[in-house]
C-alpha atoms as a PDB file:
ATOM      1  CA  MET A   1      85.991 104.592 121.784  1.00  0.00           C
ATOM      2  CA  SER A   2      83.574 107.181 119.650  1.00  0.00           C
ATOM      3  CA  GLU A   3      84.386 108.899 116.213  1.00  0.00           C
ATOM      4  CA  THR A   4      85.162 111.972 117.912  1.00  0.00           C
ATOM      5  CA  ALA A   5      86.830 111.268 119.942  1.00  0.00           C
ATOM      6  CA  GLU A   6      90.110 111.467 118.438  1.00  0.00           C
ATOM      7  CA  PRO A   7      91.198 113.789 115.433  1.00  0.00           C
ATOM      8  CA  THR A   8      89.641 112.638 111.967  1.00  0.00           C
ATOM      9  CA  LEU A   9      92.965 113.470 110.325  1.00  0.00           C
ATOM     10  CA  ILE A  10      95.990 111.609 111.956  1.00  0.00           C
ATOM     11  CA  ALA A  11      99.109 113.673 111.441  1.00  0.00           C
ATOM     12  CA  ARG A  12     102.323 112.165 113.073  1.00  0.00           C
ATOM     13  CA  ARG A  13     106.371 111.914 111.984  1.00  0.00           C
ATOM     14  CA  GLU A  14     107.298 108.590 111.731  1.00  0.00           C
ATOM     15  CA  GLY A  15     111.073 108.103 110.542  1.00  0.00           C
ATOM     16  CA  ILE A  16     111.896 110.143 107.781  1.00  0.00           C
ATOM     17  CA  ALA A  17     107.819 110.589 106.784  1.00  0.00           C
ATOM     18  CA  GLY A  18     105.187 112.254 108.246  1.00  0.00           C
ATOM     19  CA  THR A  19     102.160 109.746 107.622  1.00  0.00           C
ATOM     20  CA  LEU A  20      98.833 110.637 107.651  1.00  0.00           C
ATOM     21  CA  LEU A  21      95.770 108.601 108.502  1.00  0.00           C
ATOM     22  CA  MET A  22      91.728 109.390 107.515  1.00  0.00           C
ATOM     23  CA  ASN A  23      90.195 108.351 110.868  1.00  0.00           C
ATOM     24  CA  ARG A  24      86.519 108.799 109.713  1.00  0.00           C
ATOM     25  CA  PRO A  25      85.894 104.668 109.224  1.00  0.00           C
ATOM     26  CA  LYS A  26      82.345 104.680 110.232  1.00  0.00           C
ATOM     27  CA  ALA A  27      82.301 106.997 107.326  1.00  0.00           C
ATOM     28  CA  LEU A  28      84.676 105.808 105.054  1.00  0.00           C
ATOM     29  CA  ASN A  29      86.942 108.730 105.005  1.00  0.00           C
ATOM     30  CA  ALA A  30      84.919 111.211 104.293  1.00  0.00           C
ATOM     31  CA  LEU A  31      86.468 114.426 103.738  1.00  0.00           C
ATOM     32  CA  THR A  32      84.932 117.206 106.815  1.00  0.00           C
ATOM     33  CA  LEU A  33      85.509 120.805 106.208  1.00  0.00           C
ATOM     34  CA  GLU A  34      88.452 119.963 109.529  1.00  0.00           C
ATOM     35  CA  MET A  35      89.916 117.187 107.733  1.00  0.00           C
ATOM     36  CA  ILE A  36      91.037 119.583 104.890  1.00  0.00           C
ATOM     37  CA  ARG A  37      91.991 122.546 107.226  1.00  0.00           C
ATOM     38  CA  ALA A  38      94.374 119.115 108.874  1.00  0.00           C
ATOM     39  CA  PHE A  39      95.547 118.480 105.450  1.00  0.00           C
ATOM     40  CA  ALA A  40      96.395 122.624 105.187  1.00  0.00           C
ATOM     41  CA  ASP A  41      98.621 122.335 108.274  1.00  0.00           C
ATOM     42  CA  ALA A  42     100.647 119.521 107.556  1.00  0.00           C
ATOM     43  CA  ILE A  43     101.421 120.869 104.050  1.00  0.00           C
ATOM     44  CA  ALA A  44     102.394 123.919 105.914  1.00  0.00           C
ATOM     45  CA  ALA A  45     104.280 122.444 108.941  1.00  0.00           C
ATOM     46  CA  TRP A  46     105.692 119.332 106.564  1.00  0.00           C
ATOM     47  CA  LYS A  47     106.832 121.323 102.903  1.00  0.00           C
ATOM     48  CA  ASP A  48     110.142 122.863 104.149  1.00  0.00           C
ATOM     49  CA  ASP A  49     110.918 120.565 106.880  1.00  0.00           C
ATOM     50  CA  ALA A  50     114.166 118.829 105.520  1.00  0.00           C
ATOM     51  CA  ALA A  51     113.146 115.853 108.254  1.00  0.00           C
ATOM     52  CA  VAL A  52     110.304 115.262 106.328  1.00  0.00           C
ATOM     53  CA  ARG A  53     111.333 113.585 103.570  1.00  0.00           C
ATOM     54  CA  LEU A  54     107.905 112.174 101.719  1.00  0.00           C
ATOM     55  CA  VAL A  55     104.313 112.206 103.301  1.00  0.00           C
ATOM     56  CA  VAL A  56     102.633 108.022 103.176  1.00  0.00           C
ATOM     57  CA  LEU A  57      98.484 109.071 103.576  1.00  0.00           C
ATOM     58  CA  GLU A  58      96.192 106.142 103.679  1.00  0.00           C
ATOM     59  CA  GLY A  59      92.838 105.833 105.444  1.00  0.00           C
ATOM     60  CA  ALA A  60      91.690 104.677 108.471  1.00  0.00           C
ATOM     61  CA  GLY A  61      89.436 100.799 109.101  1.00  0.00           C
ATOM     62  CA  GLY A  62      89.570  98.922 105.973  1.00  0.00           C
ATOM     63  CA  ARG A  63      87.231  99.360 104.124  1.00  0.00           C
ATOM     64  CA  ALA A  64      88.297 102.869 101.709  1.00  0.00           C
ATOM     65  CA  PHE A  65      90.970 104.969 101.679  1.00  0.00           C
ATOM     66  CA  CYS A  66      88.921 107.979 100.985  1.00  0.00           C
ATOM     67  CA  ALA A  67      85.016 108.119  99.805  1.00  0.00           C
ATOM     68  CA  GLY A  68      85.065 111.622  98.901  1.00  0.00           C
ATOM     69  CA  GLY A  69      83.680 114.409 100.931  1.00  0.00           C
ATOM     70  CA  ASP A  70      80.995 115.460 102.974  1.00  0.00           C
ATOM     71  CA  VAL A  71      78.436 116.165 100.145  1.00  0.00           C
ATOM     72  CA  ARG A  72      75.759 116.254 102.453  1.00  0.00           C
ATOM     73  CA  ALA A  73      77.028 118.589 104.867  1.00  0.00           C
ATOM     74  CA  VAL A  74      77.891 120.518 101.965  1.00  0.00           C
ATOM     75  CA  ARG A  75      74.091 119.797 100.429  1.00  0.00           C
ATOM     76  CA  GLU A  76      72.113 121.071 104.074  1.00  0.00           C
ATOM     77  CA  ALA A  77      74.863 124.241 103.677  1.00  0.00           C
ATOM     78  CA  ALA A  78      73.263 124.689 100.125  1.00  0.00           C
ATOM     79  CA  LEU A  79      69.501 124.030 101.257  1.00  0.00           C
ATOM     80  CA  ALA A  80      69.627 126.232 104.866  1.00  0.00           C
ATOM     81  CA  GLY A  81      71.362 129.525 101.682  1.00  0.00           C
ATOM     82  CA  ASP A  82      74.423 129.206 103.835  1.00  0.00           C
ATOM     83  CA  ARG A  83      76.165 129.854 100.690  1.00  0.00           C
ATOM     84  CA  ALA A  84      79.499 131.142 103.364  1.00  0.00           C
ATOM     85  CA  ALA A  85      79.600 127.234 104.086  1.00  0.00           C
ATOM     86  CA  VAL A  86      79.608 126.277 100.445  1.00  0.00           C
ATOM     87  CA  GLU A  87      82.104 128.727  99.757  1.00  0.00           C
ATOM     88  CA  ALA A  88      84.442 127.743 102.472  1.00  0.00           C
ATOM     89  CA  PHE A  89      84.571 124.184 101.472  1.00  0.00           C
ATOM     90  CA  PHE A  90      85.506 123.808  98.113  1.00  0.00           C
ATOM     91  CA  SER A  91      87.873 126.925  98.291  1.00  0.00           C
ATOM     92  CA  GLU A  92      89.810 124.556 101.039  1.00  0.00           C
ATOM     93  CA  GLU A  93      89.245 121.796  99.918  1.00  0.00           C
ATOM     94  CA  TYR A  94      91.133 123.281  96.633  1.00  0.00           C
ATOM     95  CA  ALA A  95      93.608 125.087  98.789  1.00  0.00           C
ATOM     96  CA  VAL A  96      94.699 121.531  99.928  1.00  0.00           C
ATOM     97  CA  ASN A  97      94.661 119.960  96.615  1.00  0.00           C
ATOM     98  CA  THR A  98      96.756 122.854  94.569  1.00  0.00           C
ATOM     99  CA  GLY A  99      99.129 122.395  98.469  1.00  0.00           C
ATOM    100  CA  ILE A 100      99.593 118.690  97.645  1.00  0.00           C
ATOM    101  CA  ALA A 101     100.264 118.935  93.400  1.00  0.00           C
ATOM    102  CA  THR A 102     103.221 121.774  94.257  1.00  0.00           C
ATOM    103  CA  PHE A 103     104.493 119.798  97.141  1.00  0.00           C
ATOM    104  CA  PRO A 104     108.000 119.791  97.147  1.00  0.00           C
ATOM    105  CA  LYS A 105     108.516 116.029  98.766  1.00  0.00           C
ATOM    106  CA  PRO A 106     107.176 112.674  97.627  1.00  0.00           C
ATOM    107  CA  TRP A 107     102.954 112.148  98.521  1.00  0.00           C
ATOM    108  CA  VAL A 108     102.597 109.135  98.682  1.00  0.00           C
ATOM    109  CA  SER A 109      99.031 107.850  99.123  1.00  0.00           C
ATOM    110  CA  LEU A 110      98.131 104.176 100.071  1.00  0.00           C
ATOM    111  CA  ILE A 111      94.820 103.599  98.412  1.00  0.00           C
ATOM    112  CA  ASP A 112      93.323 100.379  99.533  1.00  0.00           C
ATOM    113  CA  GLY A 113      89.159 100.099  99.545  1.00  0.00           C
ATOM    114  CA  VAL A 114      86.807 102.741  98.453  1.00  0.00           C
ATOM    115  CA  CYS A 115      89.294 106.257  96.171  1.00  0.00           C
ATOM    116  CA  MET A 116      86.238 108.307  95.078  1.00  0.00           C
ATOM    117  CA  GLY A 117      85.626 112.306  93.839  1.00  0.00           C
ATOM    118  CA  GLY A 118      87.697 114.259  96.689  1.00  0.00           C
ATOM    119  CA  GLY A 119      89.931 110.725  97.801  1.00  0.00           C
ATOM    120  CA  ILE A 120      91.216 110.982  94.451  1.00  0.00           C
ATOM    121  CA  GLY A 121      91.577 114.796  94.931  1.00  0.00           C
ATOM    122  CA  VAL A 122      93.839 113.778  98.299  1.00  0.00           C
ATOM    123  CA  ALA A 123      96.099 111.397  95.900  1.00  0.00           C
ATOM    124  CA  VAL A 124      96.332 112.190  91.813  1.00  0.00           C
ATOM    125  CA  HIS A 125      98.186 115.456  91.643  1.00  0.00           C
ATOM    126  CA  ASN A 126     101.108 114.510  93.324  1.00  0.00           C
ATOM    127  CA  GLY A 127     103.077 110.406  93.789  1.00  0.00           C
ATOM    128  CA  PRO A 128     103.584 107.590  93.934  1.00  0.00           C
ATOM    129  CA  ARG A 129      99.636 106.329  94.052  1.00  0.00           C
ATOM    130  CA  ILE A 130      99.809 102.604  95.362  1.00  0.00           C
ATOM    131  CA  VAL A 131      96.273 100.654  95.018  1.00  0.00           C
ATOM    132  CA  THR A 132      96.127  97.039  96.365  1.00  0.00           C
ATOM    133  CA  GLU A 133      93.390  94.321  94.468  1.00  0.00           C
ATOM    134  CA  HIS A 134      90.623  96.083  96.829  1.00  0.00           C
ATOM    135  CA  ALA A 135      91.212  99.570  95.561  1.00  0.00           C
ATOM    136  CA  LEU A 136      87.972 100.830  94.154  1.00  0.00           C
ATOM    137  CA  VAL A 137      88.412 103.600  92.128  1.00  0.00           C
ATOM    138  CA  ALA A 138      85.483 105.899  90.664  1.00  0.00           C
ATOM    139  CA  MET A 139      84.552 109.798  89.858  1.00  0.00           C
ATOM    140  CA  PRO A 140      80.133 109.547  90.646  1.00  0.00           C
ATOM    141  CA  GLU A 141      79.829 113.186  90.447  1.00  0.00           C
ATOM    142  CA  THR A 142      77.616 112.658  87.750  1.00  0.00           C
ATOM    143  CA  ALA A 143      75.221 110.601  89.991  1.00  0.00           C
ATOM    144  CA  ILE A 144      74.065 113.530  92.279  1.00  0.00           C
ATOM    145  CA  ALA A 145      74.272 116.503  89.513  1.00  0.00           C
ATOM    146  CA  LEU A 146      77.976 117.560  90.717  1.00  0.00           C
ATOM    147  CA  PHE A 147      80.934 117.589  88.514  1.00  0.00           C
ATOM    148  CA  PRO A 148      84.316 116.286  88.333  1.00  0.00           C
ATOM    149  CA  ASP A 149      86.145 118.803  90.946  1.00  0.00           C
ATOM    150  CA  VAL A 150      89.479 118.779  93.143  1.00  0.00           C
ATOM    151  CA  GLY A 151      91.307 119.883  89.845  1.00  0.00           C
ATOM    152  CA  THR A 152      89.951 116.380  88.214  1.00  0.00           C
ATOM    153  CA  SER A 153      89.182 118.635  85.573  1.00  0.00           C
ATOM    154  CA  TYR A 154      93.086 118.991  84.830  1.00  0.00           C
ATOM    155  CA  VAL A 155      93.549 115.057  85.247  1.00  0.00           C
ATOM    156  CA  LEU A 156      91.055 113.403  83.200  1.00  0.00           C
ATOM    157  CA  PRO A 157      91.956 114.871  79.647  1.00  0.00           C
ATOM    158  CA  ARG A 158      95.681 113.313  80.278  1.00  0.00           C
ATOM    159  CA  LEU A 159      94.770 109.823  80.200  1.00  0.00           C
ATOM    160  CA  PRO A 160      94.694 107.806  77.648  1.00  0.00           C
ATOM    161  CA  GLY A 161      92.155 108.600  75.074  1.00  0.00           C
ATOM    162  CA  ALA A 162      88.658 108.717  76.365  1.00  0.00           C
ATOM    163  CA  ILE A 163      88.606 107.084  79.051  1.00  0.00           C
ATOM    164  CA  GLY A 164      88.744 110.236  81.453  1.00  0.00           C
ATOM    165  CA  THR A 165      85.532 111.655  79.787  1.00  0.00           C
ATOM    166  CA  TRP A 166      84.367 108.019  80.136  1.00  0.00           C
ATOM    167  CA  LEU A 167      84.959 108.206  83.663  1.00  0.00           C
ATOM    168  CA  ALA A 168      83.941 111.242  84.192  1.00  0.00           C
ATOM    169  CA  LEU A 169      80.185 110.663  82.702  1.00  0.00           C
ATOM    170  CA  THR A 170      79.390 106.882  83.988  1.00  0.00           C
ATOM    171  CA  GLY A 171      80.885 107.372  87.090  1.00  0.00           C
ATOM    172  CA  ALA A 172      82.474 104.040  86.099  1.00  0.00           C
ATOM    173  CA  ARG A 173      84.380 101.758  88.921  1.00  0.00           C
ATOM    174  CA  LEU A 174      88.055 100.978  88.606  1.00  0.00           C
ATOM    175  CA  THR A 175      89.219  98.134  90.225  1.00  0.00           C
ATOM    176  CA  GLY A 176      93.210  98.294  91.043  1.00  0.00           C
ATOM    177  CA  ALA A 177      94.976  97.033  88.960  1.00  0.00           C
ATOM    178  CA  ASP A 178      92.092  99.662  86.133  1.00  0.00           C
ATOM    179  CA  SER A 179      92.861 102.438  87.831  1.00  0.00           C
ATOM    180  CA  VAL A 180      96.995 102.142  87.114  1.00  0.00           C
ATOM    181  CA  HIS A 181      96.165 100.776  83.395  1.00  0.00           C
ATOM    182  CA  ALA A 182      93.409 104.333  83.413  1.00  0.00           C
ATOM    183  CA  GLY A 183      96.394 106.034  84.521  1.00  0.00           C
ATOM    184  CA  LEU A 184      95.564 107.199  87.831  1.00  0.00           C
ATOM    185  CA  ALA A 185      97.271 104.921  90.283  1.00  0.00           C
ATOM    186  CA  THR A 186     100.713 104.396  89.842  1.00  0.00           C
ATOM    187  CA  HIS A 187     102.335 101.203  91.717  1.00  0.00           C
ATOM    188  CA  PHE A 188     100.210  97.839  91.860  1.00  0.00           C
ATOM    189  CA  VAL A 189     100.519  96.188  94.904  1.00  0.00           C
ATOM    190  CA  PRO A 190      99.144  93.137  96.903  1.00  0.00           C
ATOM    191  CA  ARG A 191      97.371  94.053 100.500  1.00  0.00           C
ATOM    192  CA  GLU A 192      99.645  91.382 101.936  1.00  0.00           C
ATOM    193  CA  ARG A 193     102.381  93.927 101.185  1.00  0.00           C
ATOM    194  CA  LEU A 194     101.114  96.983 102.716  1.00  0.00           C
ATOM    195  CA  PRO A 195     101.951  96.652 105.888  1.00  0.00           C
ATOM    196  CA  ALA A 196     106.084  95.953 104.796  1.00  0.00           C
ATOM    197  CA  LEU A 197     106.011  98.414 102.029  1.00  0.00           C
ATOM    198  CA  ARG A 198     104.609 101.008 104.346  1.00  0.00           C
ATOM    199  CA  ALA A 199     107.486 100.382 107.109  1.00  0.00           C
ATOM    200  CA  ALA A 200     110.006 100.516 103.791  1.00  0.00           C
ATOM    201  CA  LEU A 201     108.853 104.444 103.129  1.00  0.00           C
ATOM    202  CA  VAL A 202     109.005 105.543 106.359  1.00  0.00           C
ATOM    203  CA  ALA A 203     112.962 103.963 107.061  1.00  0.00           C
ATOM    204  CA  GLU A 204     113.593 104.786 103.346  1.00  0.00           C
ATOM    205  CA  GLY A 205     111.838 106.350 101.211  1.00  0.00           C
ATOM    206  CA  ALA A 206     109.683 106.740  98.155  1.00  0.00           C
ATOM    207  CA  ASP A 207     112.483 104.747  96.146  1.00  0.00           C
ATOM    208  CA  ALA A 208     111.052 101.495  98.054  1.00  0.00           C
ATOM    209  CA  VAL A 209     107.914 101.426  96.043  1.00  0.00           C
ATOM    210  CA  ALA A 210     109.330  99.477  93.140  1.00  0.00           C
ATOM    211  CA  ARG A 211     110.572  96.707  95.056  1.00  0.00           C
ATOM    212  CA  PHE A 212     106.558  96.055  96.645  1.00  0.00           C
ATOM    213  CA  ALA A 213     104.956  96.762  93.447  1.00  0.00           C
ATOM    214  CA  VAL A 214     104.012  93.962  90.925  1.00  0.00           C
ATOM    215  CA  ALA A 215     102.342  93.856  87.016  1.00  0.00           C
ATOM    216  CA  PRO A 216      98.761  94.255  87.545  1.00  0.00           C
ATOM    217  CA  PRO A 217      96.549  91.786  85.832  1.00  0.00           C
ATOM    218  CA  GLU A 218      94.770  93.284  83.017  1.00  0.00           C
ATOM    219  CA  ALA A 219      91.963  95.698  83.023  1.00  0.00           C
ATOM    220  CA  GLY A 220      88.820  94.875  82.887  1.00  0.00           C
ATOM    221  CA  PHE A 221      87.975  97.546  80.442  1.00  0.00           C
ATOM    222  CA  ALA A 222      90.444  96.750  78.219  1.00  0.00           C
ATOM    223  CA  PRO A 223      87.943  94.449  76.396  1.00  0.00           C
ATOM    224  CA  HIS A 224      85.735  97.924  75.886  1.00  0.00           C
ATOM    225  CA  ARG A 225      89.036 100.039  74.581  1.00  0.00           C
ATOM    226  CA  ALA A 226      87.889 100.950  71.232  1.00  0.00           C
ATOM    227  CA  ALA A 227      84.379 101.803  72.081  1.00  0.00           C
ATOM    228  CA  ILE A 228      85.326 103.998  74.816  1.00  0.00           C
ATOM    229  CA  ASP A 229      87.425 106.373  72.545  1.00  0.00           C
ATOM    230  CA  ARG A 230      84.777 105.747  69.600  1.00  0.00           C
ATOM    231  CA  CYS A 231      81.824 106.539  71.757  1.00  0.00           C
ATOM    232  CA  PHE A 232      82.903 109.609  74.060  1.00  0.00           C
ATOM    233  CA  SER A 233      85.131 111.728  72.372  1.00  0.00           C
ATOM    234  CA  ARG A 234      82.094 113.377  71.112  1.00  0.00           C
ATOM    235  CA  ALA A 235      81.447 116.832  71.236  1.00  0.00           C
ATOM    236  CA  SER A 236      78.215 116.595  72.870  1.00  0.00           C
ATOM    237  CA  VAL A 237      76.479 113.938  75.197  1.00  0.00           C
ATOM    238  CA  PRO A 238      74.090 113.530  72.651  1.00  0.00           C
ATOM    239  CA  GLU A 239      76.608 112.188  70.559  1.00  0.00           C
ATOM    240  CA  ILE A 240      78.012 110.490  72.599  1.00  0.00           C
ATOM    241  CA  LEU A 241      74.139 108.838  72.888  1.00  0.00           C
ATOM    242  CA  ALA A 242      73.735 108.513  69.110  1.00  0.00           C
ATOM    243  CA  ALA A 243      77.703 106.600  69.280  1.00  0.00           C
ATOM    244  CA  LEU A 244      76.900 104.101  71.874  1.00  0.00           C
ATOM    245  CA  ASP A 245      73.584 103.458  70.489  1.00  0.00           C
ATOM    246  CA  ALA A 246      75.000 102.853  67.002  1.00  0.00           C
ATOM    247  CA  GLU A 247      77.918 100.059  68.421  1.00  0.00           C
ATOM    248  CA  GLY A 248      75.550  97.125  68.796  1.00  0.00           C
ATOM    249  CA  THR A 249      76.969  95.764  72.122  1.00  0.00           C
ATOM    250  CA  GLU A 250      75.236  94.893  74.830  1.00  0.00           C
ATOM    251  CA  TRP A 251      78.304  96.681  76.406  1.00  0.00           C
ATOM    252  CA  ALA A 252      77.337  99.935  75.482  1.00  0.00           C
ATOM    253  CA  ALA A 253      73.797  99.544  75.747  1.00  0.00           C
ATOM    254  CA  GLY A 254      74.564  99.195  78.982  1.00  0.00           C
ATOM    255  CA  GLN A 255      76.267 102.746  79.005  1.00  0.00           C
ATOM    256  CA  ALA A 256      73.572 104.465  77.882  1.00  0.00           C
ATOM    257  CA  LYS A 257      71.547 103.367  80.627  1.00  0.00           C
ATOM    258  CA  ILE A 258      73.835 104.042  83.119  1.00  0.00           C
ATOM    259  CA  LEU A 259      73.748 108.281  81.814  1.00  0.00           C
ATOM    260  CA  ARG A 260      70.418 108.108  81.703  1.00  0.00           C
ATOM    261  CA  ARG A 261      69.738 107.825  84.643  1.00  0.00           C
ATOM    262  CA  MET A 262      72.782 110.705  85.817  1.00  0.00           C
ATOM    263  CA  SER A 263      71.311 114.042  86.027  1.00  0.00           C
ATOM    264  CA  PRO A 264      71.356 114.895  82.345  1.00  0.00           C
ATOM    265  CA  THR A 265      72.456 119.064  83.664  1.00  0.00           C
ATOM    266  CA  SER A 266      75.353 117.060  84.832  1.00  0.00           C
ATOM    267  CA  LEU A 267      76.356 115.588  82.088  1.00  0.00           C
ATOM    268  CA  CYS A 268      75.957 118.931  80.139  1.00  0.00           C
ATOM    269  CA  VAL A 269      77.722 120.368  82.504  1.00  0.00           C
ATOM    270  CA  SER A 270      81.117 117.830  83.527  1.00  0.00           C
ATOM    271  CA  LEU A 271      81.725 117.194  79.482  1.00  0.00           C
ATOM    272  CA  GLU A 272      81.805 121.500  78.650  1.00  0.00           C
ATOM    273  CA  LEU A 273      83.693 121.462  81.869  1.00  0.00           C
ATOM    274  CA  LEU A 274      86.501 118.784  80.216  1.00  0.00           C
ATOM    275  CA  GLN A 275      86.585 119.803  77.199  1.00  0.00           C
ATOM    276  CA  ARG A 276      87.596 123.731  78.922  1.00  0.00           C
ATOM    277  CA  GLY A 277      90.119 121.587  81.639  1.00  0.00           C
ATOM    278  CA  ALA A 278      91.774 120.060  78.066  1.00  0.00           C
ATOM    279  CA  ARG A 279      92.933 123.120  77.431  1.00  0.00           C
ATOM    280  CA  GLN A 280      94.025 124.349  81.147  1.00  0.00           C
ATOM    281  CA  ASP A 281      96.531 124.339  83.698  1.00  0.00           C
ATOM    282  CA  LEU A 282      95.884 122.595  87.149  1.00  0.00           C
ATOM    283  CA  ALA A 283      95.533 126.513  88.315  1.00  0.00           C
ATOM    284  CA  ALA A 284      93.198 127.179  86.044  1.00  0.00           C
ATOM    285  CA  CYS A 285      90.673 124.133  85.760  1.00  0.00           C
ATOM    286  CA  LEU A 286      90.461 124.042  90.085  1.00  0.00           C
ATOM    287  CA  ALA A 287      89.649 127.840  89.431  1.00  0.00           C
ATOM    288  CA  THR A 288      87.360 127.343  86.721  1.00  0.00           C
ATOM    289  CA  GLU A 289      85.449 124.252  88.750  1.00  0.00           C
ATOM    290  CA  LEU A 290      84.731 126.782  92.756  1.00  0.00           C
ATOM    291  CA  ALA A 291      83.456 129.209  89.931  1.00  0.00           C
ATOM    292  CA  LEU A 292      81.433 126.659  89.334  1.00  0.00           C
ATOM    293  CA  THR A 293      80.348 124.707  92.329  1.00  0.00           C
ATOM    294  CA  ARG A 294      78.638 128.314  92.950  1.00  0.00           C
ATOM    295  CA  VAL A 295      75.955 127.949  90.580  1.00  0.00           C
ATOM    296  CA  VAL A 296      75.756 124.106  90.535  1.00  0.00           C
ATOM    297  CA  VAL A 297      75.551 123.233  94.354  1.00  0.00           C
ATOM    298  CA  ASN A 298      74.116 126.741  95.163  1.00  0.00           C
ATOM    299  CA  ASP A 299      71.951 127.496  92.207  1.00  0.00           C
ATOM    300  CA  HIS A 300      70.443 125.142  90.304  1.00  0.00           C
ATOM    301  CA  PRO A 301      67.901 122.125  92.517  1.00  0.00           C
ATOM    302  CA  ASP A 302      69.780 119.569  91.154  1.00  0.00           C
ATOM    303  CA  PHE A 303      72.528 118.750  93.421  1.00  0.00           C
ATOM    304  CA  ALA A 304      70.489 118.996  96.155  1.00  0.00           C
ATOM    305  CA  GLU A 305      68.098 116.605  95.031  1.00  0.00           C
ATOM    306  CA  GLY A 306      71.237 114.076  93.521  1.00  0.00           C
ATOM    307  CA  VAL A 307      72.824 113.955  97.230  1.00  0.00           C
ATOM    308  CA  ARG A 308      69.160 113.236  98.593  1.00  0.00           C
ATOM    309  CA  SER A 309      68.420 110.387  96.021  1.00  0.00           C
ATOM    310  CA  VAL A 310      71.791 108.777  96.650  1.00  0.00           C
ATOM    311  CA  LEU A 311      73.072 109.614 100.240  1.00  0.00           C
ATOM    312  CA  VAL A 312      69.807 111.264 102.249  1.00  0.00           C
ATOM    313  CA  ASP A 313      66.821 108.879 101.547  1.00  0.00           C
ATOM    314  CA  LYS A 314      68.138 106.371  99.576  1.00  0.00           C
ATOM    315  CA  ASP A 315      65.504 105.520  97.105  1.00  0.00           C
ATOM    316  CA  GLY A 316      67.478 106.504  93.824  1.00  0.00           C
ATOM    317  CA  ALA A 317      64.734 108.103  92.195  1.00  0.00           C
ATOM    318  CA  PRO A 318      65.266 111.869  91.493  1.00  0.00           C
ATOM    319  CA  LYS A 319      63.382 114.067  89.870  1.00  0.00           C
ATOM    320  CA  TRP A 320      65.791 116.396  87.303  1.00  0.00           C
ATOM    321  CA  GLN A 321      65.157 119.270  86.070  1.00  0.00           C
ATOM    322  CA  PRO A 322      64.714 119.482  83.045  1.00  0.00           C
ATOM    323  CA  ALA A 323      64.056 115.537  83.227  1.00  0.00           C
ATOM    324  CA  ARG A 324      65.824 114.030  79.763  1.00  0.00           C
ATOM    325  CA  ILE A 325      69.147 114.816  78.468  1.00  0.00           C
ATOM    326  CA  GLU A 326      67.171 115.948  75.013  1.00  0.00           C
ATOM    327  CA  ASP A 327      66.051 118.610  77.193  1.00  0.00           C
ATOM    328  CA  VAL A 328      68.628 120.583  78.284  1.00  0.00           C
ATOM    329  CA  ASP A 329      69.715 124.206  76.229  1.00  0.00           C
ATOM    330  CA  PRO A 330      73.591 123.948  75.622  1.00  0.00           C
ATOM    331  CA  ALA A 331      73.186 127.735  75.827  1.00  0.00           C
ATOM    332  CA  ALA A 332      72.054 127.291  79.600  1.00  0.00           C
ATOM    333  CA  ILE A 333      75.066 125.171  80.002  1.00  0.00           C
ATOM    334  CA  ARG A 334      77.557 127.637  78.670  1.00  0.00           C
ATOM    335  CA  ALA A 335      76.106 130.257  80.732  1.00  0.00           C
ATOM    336  CA  MET A 336      76.733 128.581  84.366  1.00  0.00           C
ATOM    337  CA  PHE A 337      80.736 129.362  82.732  1.00  0.00           C
ATOM    338  CA  VAL A 338      80.647 132.288  82.501  1.00  0.00           C
ATOM    339  CA  PRO A 339      80.878 133.346  86.240  1.00  0.00           C
ATOM    340  CA  VAL A 340      84.549 131.782  85.840  1.00  0.00           C
ATOM    341  CA  THR A 341      85.276 134.059  82.762  1.00  0.00           C
ATOM    342  CA  LYS A 342      84.688 136.797  84.979  1.00  0.00           C
ATOM    343  CA  GLU A 343      86.213 136.246  87.571  1.00  0.00           C
ATOM    344  CA  GLY A 344      89.143 134.993  85.410  1.00  0.00           C
END
């Protein structure tokens, strides 16, 4: 059966739960506008339905929970000058993020496999958020010259220490255990227990999670925890790079090398966004992100180039404008946020 022969988001009533299955396995369940609208429909149908006591969210195919938003489609719309299509995608996606955050019942995400970007957005604003040993969690936006969105400009600054900034700028990939220690996930459940957990959720409710959760292994980033805080708490990207250079370790050199591959503009935009997000509530963060998409996606060349390099041609050779972090004008970065201030 072709992937388009059934819904891309399958919504069902099972027991006391509303269940949602993101169903684009060949695309790692990347979010389309069709899926986003189906999320909105489910939220509207179930939020006040007393028979639905929780929502259980999963990804189809065994490889991914959700690899993020369909940024290739967004790039095509931007290149075609279709600002309305770009606006629709982000505005409706962020409205779903808000709907999940304000959903008055547990929104239980079973994260088994890849969970990135928009996939984090449909999980992180409610809970419980369960990860397995096969989970891989990341915010890889700087590699495609976007920025941490879907409300993560609120979430990331509130993670312990400077972990959120480190994740946002480097796109570091976390294991399931890592994501619990970082604060993005709430429970660690081995994959073999997921079918039994799911059955218990639809029969009993979200309290069943505690019976199946186990203590996660130590975080892979634990040996570098102090260095993350020392380096990624700096006020600017050049200062972060200088701090990494001063560490004099193989790990720090590797982080600096990663940063120098990312879009310089995106790094500076992302850091400014997180610094603002630390002072804003979720609604304000989402409004800031939406206004910023209008500038970054439609008007700056790096987004189209980043998506081309990573997802279209896959050559890993983006030509950023400007090419070096040292050449980014801080005033130009601040100016990208001016429309946000005007719109409140």
